[in-house]
C-alpha atoms as a PDB file:
ATOM      1  CA  UNK A   1      -0.346   0.378   0.138  1.00  0.00           C
ATOM      2  CA  UNK A   2       2.970   2.225   0.653  1.00  0.00           C
ATOM      3  CA  UNK A   3       3.944   1.855  -2.479  1.00  0.00           C
ATOM      4  CA  UNK A   4       1.385   2.031  -4.584  1.00  0.00           C
ATOM      5  CA  UNK A   5       1.336   6.063  -2.689  1.00  0.00           C
ATOM      6  CA  UNK A   6       4.960   6.923  -3.658  1.00  0.00           C
ATOM      7  CA  UNK A   7       4.113   6.172  -7.253  1.00  0.00           C
ATOM      8  CA  UNK A   8       0.844   7.863  -6.736  1.00  0.00           C
ATOM      9  CA  UNK A   9       2.873  11.263  -5.710  1.00  0.00           C
ATOM     10  CA  UNK A  10       6.062  10.241  -8.517  1.00  0.00           C
ATOM     11  CA  UNK A  11       3.118  10.103 -10.481  1.00  0.00           C
ATOM     12  CA  UNK A  12       1.527  13.877  -9.543  1.00  0.00           C
ATOM     13  CA  UNK A  13       4.622  15.605  -9.255  1.00  0.00           C
ATOM     14  CA  UNK A  14       5.695  14.247 -12.781  1.00  0.00           C
ATOM     15  CA  UNK A  15       2.029  15.717 -14.217  1.00  0.00           C
ATOM     16  CA  UNK A  16       2.656  18.293 -12.182  1.00  0.00           C
ATOM     17  CA  UNK A  17       6.275  19.267 -13.440  1.00  0.00           C
ATOM     18  CA  UNK A  18       5.016  19.041 -17.255  1.00  0.00           C
ATOM     19  CA  UNK A  19       2.056  21.042 -17.041  1.00  0.00           C
ATOM     20  CA  UNK A  20       4.263  24.076 -15.389  1.00  0.00           C
ATOM     21  CA  UNK A  21       6.893  23.490 -17.903  1.00  0.00           C
ATOM     22  CA  UNK A  22       4.043  23.680 -20.846  1.00  0.00           C
ATOM     23  CA  UNK A  23       2.514  26.869 -18.906  1.00  0.00           C
ATOM     24  CA  UNK A  24       5.639  28.724 -19.426  1.00  0.00           C
ATOM     25  CA  UNK A  25       7.072  27.337 -22.667  1.00  0.00           C
ATOM     26  CA  UNK A  26       3.196  27.637 -24.139  1.00  0.00           C
ATOM     27  CA  UNK A  27       1.680  30.975 -22.413  1.00  0.00           C
ATOM     28  CA  UNK A  28       1.320  34.162 -24.130  1.00  0.00           C
ATOM     29  CA  UNK A  29       4.433  36.482 -23.326  1.00  0.00           C
ATOM     30  CA  UNK A  30       2.849  38.940 -19.823  1.00  0.00           C
ATOM     31  CA  UNK A  31       2.444  42.210 -20.997  1.00  0.00           C
ATOM     32  CA  UNK A  32       2.839  42.719 -25.134  1.00  0.00           C
ATOM     33  CA  UNK A  33       1.562  46.171 -26.381  1.00  0.00           C
ATOM     34  CA  UNK A  34       1.990  48.200 -29.092  1.00  0.00           C
ATOM     35  CA  UNK A  35       2.826  52.154 -28.457  1.00  0.00           C
ATOM     36  CA  UNK A  36       1.473  54.587 -30.552  1.00  0.00           C
ATOM     37  CA  UNK A  37       2.575  58.170 -29.653  1.00  0.00           C
ATOM     38  CA  UNK A  38       0.367  60.738 -31.773  1.00  0.00           C
ATOM     39  CA  UNK A  39       2.694  64.121 -32.116  1.00  0.00           C
ATOM     40  CA  UNK A  40       1.500  67.751 -32.459  1.00  0.00           C
ATOM     41  CA  UNK A  41      -1.912  66.217 -30.932  1.00  0.00           C
ATOM     42  CA  UNK A  42      -3.453  69.061 -30.188  1.00  0.00           C
ATOM     43  CA  UNK A  43      -3.241  71.687 -33.563  1.00  0.00           C
ATOM     44  CA  UNK A  44      -5.062  74.709 -35.127  1.00  0.00           C
ATOM     45  CA  UNK A  45      -7.092  74.236 -38.351  1.00  0.00           C
ATOM     46  CA  UNK A  46      -9.413  76.293 -41.103  1.00  0.00           C
ATOM     47  CA  UNK A  47     -12.828  74.637 -41.641  1.00  0.00           C
ATOM     48  CA  UNK A  48     -12.725  72.447 -44.911  1.00  0.00           C
ATOM     49  CA  UNK A  49      -8.515  71.851 -44.137  1.00  0.00           C
ATOM     50  CA  UNK A  50      -7.162  68.221 -43.859  1.00  0.00           C
ATOM     51  CA  UNK A  51      -4.487  67.681 -41.167  1.00  0.00           C
ATOM     52  CA  UNK A  52      -2.458  64.973 -40.927  1.00  0.00           C
ATOM     53  CA  UNK A  53      -1.380  63.139 -37.924  1.00  0.00           C
ATOM     54  CA  UNK A  54       2.280  61.795 -37.265  1.00  0.00           C
ATOM     55  CA  UNK A  55       3.835  59.407 -34.944  1.00  0.00           C
ATOM     56  CA  UNK A  56       5.467  56.760 -34.011  1.00  0.00           C
ATOM     57  CA  UNK A  57       4.656  53.225 -33.347  1.00  0.00           C
ATOM     58  CA  UNK A  58       6.581  50.989 -30.548  1.00  0.00           C
ATOM     59  CA  UNK A  59       6.151  47.228 -30.496  1.00  0.00           C
ATOM     60  CA  UNK A  60       6.850  45.336 -27.216  1.00  0.00           C
ATOM     61  CA  UNK A  61       5.081  42.711 -28.677  1.00  0.00           C
ATOM     62  CA  UNK A  62       6.969  40.029 -28.737  1.00  0.00           C
ATOM     63  CA  UNK A  63       7.266  39.845 -32.064  1.00  0.00           C
ATOM     64  CA  UNK A  64       7.729  41.366 -35.404  1.00  0.00           C
ATOM     65  CA  UNK A  65       4.228  42.609 -37.297  1.00  0.00           C
ATOM     66  CA  UNK A  66       3.341  44.667 -40.293  1.00  0.00           C
ATOM     67  CA  UNK A  67       2.093  48.106 -40.117  1.00  0.00           C
ATOM     68  CA  UNK A  68      -1.099  46.872 -42.069  1.00  0.00           C
ATOM     69  CA  UNK A  69      -1.883  44.845 -38.670  1.00  0.00           C
ATOM     70  CA  UNK A  70      -2.544  47.803 -37.050  1.00  0.00           C
ATOM     71  CA  UNK A  71      -6.185  49.567 -37.309  1.00  0.00           C
ATOM     72  CA  UNK A  72      -7.134  53.213 -36.446  1.00  0.00           C
ATOM     73  CA  UNK A  73     -10.245  53.338 -34.952  1.00  0.00           C
ATOM     74  CA  UNK A  74     -11.874  56.596 -34.150  1.00  0.00           C
ATOM     75  CA  UNK A  75     -14.178  57.497 -31.749  1.00  0.00           C
ATOM     76  CA  UNK A  76     -15.941  60.423 -29.770  1.00  0.00           C
ATOM     77  CA  UNK A  77     -16.223  62.755 -32.141  1.00  0.00           C
ATOM     78  CA  UNK A  78     -18.826  65.184 -34.316  1.00  0.00           C
ATOM     79  CA  UNK A  79     -19.240  63.520 -37.699  1.00  0.00           C
ATOM     80  CA  UNK A  80     -20.750  66.293 -39.148  1.00  0.00           C
ATOM     81  CA  UNK A  81     -17.597  68.265 -38.081  1.00  0.00           C
ATOM     82  CA  UNK A  82     -14.315  65.734 -38.238  1.00  0.00           C
ATOM     83  CA  UNK A  83     -13.920  63.096 -41.087  1.00  0.00           C
ATOM     84  CA  UNK A  84     -10.624  61.051 -40.345  1.00  0.00           C
ATOM     85  CA  UNK A  85      -8.449  58.796 -42.602  1.00  0.00           C
ATOM     86  CA  UNK A  86      -6.279  55.839 -41.570  1.00  0.00           C
ATOM     87  CA  UNK A  87      -3.404  56.907 -43.604  1.00  0.00           C
ATOM     88  CA  UNK A  88      -0.672  54.146 -41.982  1.00  0.00           C
ATOM     89  CA  UNK A  89       0.085  51.438 -44.482  1.00  0.00           C
ATOM     90  CA  UNK A  90      -2.827  52.661 -46.697  1.00  0.00           C
ATOM     91  CA  UNK A  91      -1.625  51.218 -50.285  1.00  0.00           C
ATOM     92  CA  UNK A  92      -4.326  52.534 -51.603  1.00  0.00           C
ATOM     93  CA  UNK A  93      -3.509  55.974 -50.535  1.00  0.00           C
ATOM     94  CA  UNK A  94       0.235  55.822 -51.242  1.00  0.00           C
ATOM     95  CA  UNK A  95       1.150  54.776 -47.790  1.00  0.00           C
ATOM     96  CA  UNK A  96       3.384  51.214 -48.213  1.00  0.00           C
ATOM     97  CA  UNK A  97       2.831  48.752 -45.165  1.00  0.00           C
ATOM     98  CA  UNK A  98       6.349  48.250 -43.296  1.00  0.00           C
ATOM     99  CA  UNK A  99       8.071  45.445 -40.755  1.00  0.00           C
ATOM    100  CA  UNK A 100       7.999  47.581 -37.239  1.00  0.00           C
ATOM    101  CA  UNK A 101      10.469  44.620 -35.654  1.00  0.00           C
ATOM    102  CA  UNK A 102      10.115  43.721 -31.684  1.00  0.00           C
ATOM    103  CA  UNK A 103      11.600  46.034 -29.507  1.00  0.00           C
ATOM    104  CA  UNK A 104      12.106  48.798 -31.690  1.00  0.00           C
ATOM    105  CA  UNK A 105       9.678  51.961 -32.450  1.00  0.00           C
ATOM    106  CA  UNK A 106       9.310  53.383 -36.134  1.00  0.00           C
ATOM    107  CA  UNK A 107      10.467  55.885 -38.052  1.00  0.00           C
ATOM    108  CA  UNK A 108       8.154  59.229 -37.700  1.00  0.00           C
ATOM    109  CA  UNK A 109       5.546  58.435 -39.833  1.00  0.00           C
ATOM    110  CA  UNK A 110       1.784  59.855 -41.409  1.00  0.00           C
ATOM    111  CA  UNK A 111      -1.074  57.530 -38.562  1.00  0.00           C
ATOM    112  CA  UNK A 112      -4.642  59.356 -40.067  1.00  0.00           C
ATOM    113  CA  UNK A 113      -5.694  62.307 -41.629  1.00  0.00           C
ATOM    114  CA  UNK A 114      -8.866  64.571 -39.854  1.00  0.00           C
ATOM    115  CA  UNK A 115     -10.930  66.622 -42.716  1.00  0.00           C
ATOM    116  CA  UNK A 116     -12.938  69.795 -40.710  1.00  0.00           C
ATOM    117  CA  UNK A 117     -16.034  70.071 -42.351  1.00  0.00           C
ATOM    118  CA  UNK A 118     -17.522  72.918 -43.466  1.00  0.00           C
ATOM    119  CA  UNK A 119     -19.897  72.308 -40.147  1.00  0.00           C
ATOM    120  CA  UNK A 120     -16.590  73.119 -37.985  1.00  0.00           C
ATOM    121  CA  UNK A 121     -17.986  76.529 -36.389  1.00  0.00           C
ATOM    122  CA  UNK A 122     -14.616  78.505 -35.823  1.00  0.00           C
ATOM    123  CA  UNK A 123     -13.278  79.491 -32.395  1.00  0.00           C
ATOM    124  CA  UNK A 124     -14.503  76.191 -31.472  1.00  0.00           C
ATOM    125  CA  UNK A 125     -12.316  72.587 -30.453  1.00  0.00           C
ATOM    126  CA  UNK A 126     -13.453  69.683 -31.082  1.00  0.00           C
ATOM    127  CA  UNK A 127     -11.409  66.337 -30.183  1.00  0.00           C
ATOM    128  CA  UNK A 128     -11.564  62.933 -31.309  1.00  0.00           C
ATOM    129  CA  UNK A 129     -10.698  59.465 -29.836  1.00  0.00           C
ATOM    130  CA  UNK A 130      -8.302  57.249 -31.440  1.00  0.00           C
ATOM    131  CA  UNK A 131      -7.239  53.771 -30.550  1.00  0.00           C
ATOM    132  CA  UNK A 132      -4.624  51.360 -32.568  1.00  0.00           C
ATOM    133  CA  UNK A 133      -4.905  47.688 -31.942  1.00  0.00           C
ATOM    134  CA  UNK A 134      -4.025  45.049 -33.712  1.00  0.00           C
ATOM    135  CA  UNK A 135      -4.500  41.312 -33.764  1.00  0.00           C
ATOM    136  CA  UNK A 136      -3.304  39.632 -30.215  1.00  0.00           C
ATOM    137  CA  UNK A 137      -2.058  43.553 -29.211  1.00  0.00           C
ATOM    138  CA  UNK A 138      -3.018  45.528 -26.564  1.00  0.00           C
ATOM    139  CA  UNK A 139      -4.618  48.570 -27.450  1.00  0.00           C
ATOM    140  CA  UNK A 140      -2.751  52.235 -27.765  1.00  0.00           C
ATOM    141  CA  UNK A 141      -4.781  55.434 -27.381  1.00  0.00           C
ATOM    142  CA  UNK A 142      -4.743  58.870 -28.256  1.00  0.00           C
ATOM    143  CA  UNK A 143      -7.132  61.913 -28.006  1.00  0.00           C
ATOM    144  CA  UNK A 144      -6.975  64.686 -30.835  1.00  0.00           C
ATOM    145  CA  UNK A 145      -7.981  67.894 -30.342  1.00  0.00           C
ATOM    146  CA  UNK A 146      -8.275  70.123 -33.042  1.00  0.00           C
ATOM    147  CA  UNK A 147      -9.136  74.441 -32.840  1.00  0.00           C
ATOM    148  CA  UNK A 148     -10.852  76.004 -34.876  1.00  0.00           C
ATOM    149  CA  UNK A 149      -9.399  79.644 -36.680  1.00  0.00           C
ATOM    150  CA  UNK A 150     -11.029  81.494 -39.502  1.00  0.00           C
ATOM    151  CA  UNK A 151      -9.160  81.071 -42.831  1.00  0.00           C
ATOM    152  CA  UNK A 152      -6.287  82.922 -43.369  1.00  0.00           C
ATOM    153  CA  UNK A 153      -7.710  84.629 -46.728  1.00  0.00           C
ATOM    154  CA  UNK A 154     -11.173  85.856 -44.432  1.00  0.00           C
ATOM    155  CA  UNK A 155      -8.690  87.068 -41.865  1.00  0.00           C
ATOM    156  CA  UNK A 156      -7.166  90.059 -44.555  1.00  0.00           C
ATOM    157  CA  UNK A 157     -10.024  90.229 -46.148  1.00  0.00           C
ATOM    158  CA  UNK A 158     -11.484  91.598 -43.117  1.00  0.00           C
ATOM    159  CA  UNK A 159      -8.788  93.226 -42.265  1.00  0.00           C
ATOM    160  CA  UNK A 160      -8.519  95.186 -45.590  1.00  0.00           C
ATOM    161  CA  UNK A 161     -12.222  96.822 -44.681  1.00  0.00           C
ATOM    162  CA  UNK A 162     -11.780  97.506 -41.576  1.00  0.00           C
ATOM    163  CA  UNK A 163      -8.659 100.270 -43.260  1.00  0.00           C
ATOM    164  CA  UNK A 164     -10.855 100.620 -45.979  1.00  0.00           C
ATOM    165  CA  UNK A 165     -13.192 101.589 -43.598  1.00  0.00           C
ATOM    166  CA  UNK A 166     -10.606 103.645 -41.432  1.00  0.00           C
ATOM    167  CA  UNK A 167      -9.792 105.791 -44.748  1.00  0.00           C
ATOM    168  CA  UNK A 168     -12.734 106.481 -45.735  1.00  0.00           C
ATOM    169  CA  UNK A 169     -13.863 108.019 -41.990  1.00  0.00           C
ATOM    170  CA  UNK A 170     -10.397 110.098 -41.838  1.00  0.00           C
ATOM    171  CA  UNK A 171     -11.512 111.403 -45.598  1.00  0.00           C
ATOM    172  CA  UNK A 172     -14.905 112.207 -44.456  1.00  0.00           C
ATOM    173  CA  UNK A 173     -13.310 113.883 -41.044  1.00  0.00           C
ATOM    174  CA  UNK A 174     -11.096 116.192 -43.378  1.00  0.00           C
ATOM    175  CA  UNK A 175     -13.732 117.479 -45.712  1.00  0.00           C
END
C-alpha cells in the first residue's frame, strides 16, 4: 500500500512538472503591447482643411509586426465636423506597408488624417479619440483636438475692410 502511495505521489509530481513546463513554454508574453505616440496632437485648423497626424509606433509585442496589422478606430467625435481616414499602411492612398521589428520604434510616419468639414465653427475646439489595435495586441489610445480658426484670406479680407473703413472715415472728417 505504501508503494502505491509513493507511485501516486511520483506521478502527481511528474504531471505537475509537465503542466508547469507546458505553461511556461506556451504561455503568452506577460505584457505585449503596441505604443503609438501621436506627435502634435493639439493643433489649429480652418474649415475644409486636412490635418495629417504623424507619430511613431513602438513594438513590444514579442514578435515583428507589419504596419498593416495596426488599425486605427476613431470614436468620440462629431461626424458632422470630422472626417478621419487611416493613412498608416493605406496602400490605396500611396502609404506603403512596413515591418516594425519587436523591441523597436518606427520612424516618424503618417498615421491618419482628419478633414474639418464646413460645419466646423470658428472658435470651437473639437476632439476625437483614436484607438490603435491589432490581432493579439493590447491597444494604444490617443486623443487629438483641433481648434478651428478663420481662413487666413478671410482674416486678411476683414483687415482690408477695416482699413478701408478707417481711411473712408478719415477722409470724411477732413472735408
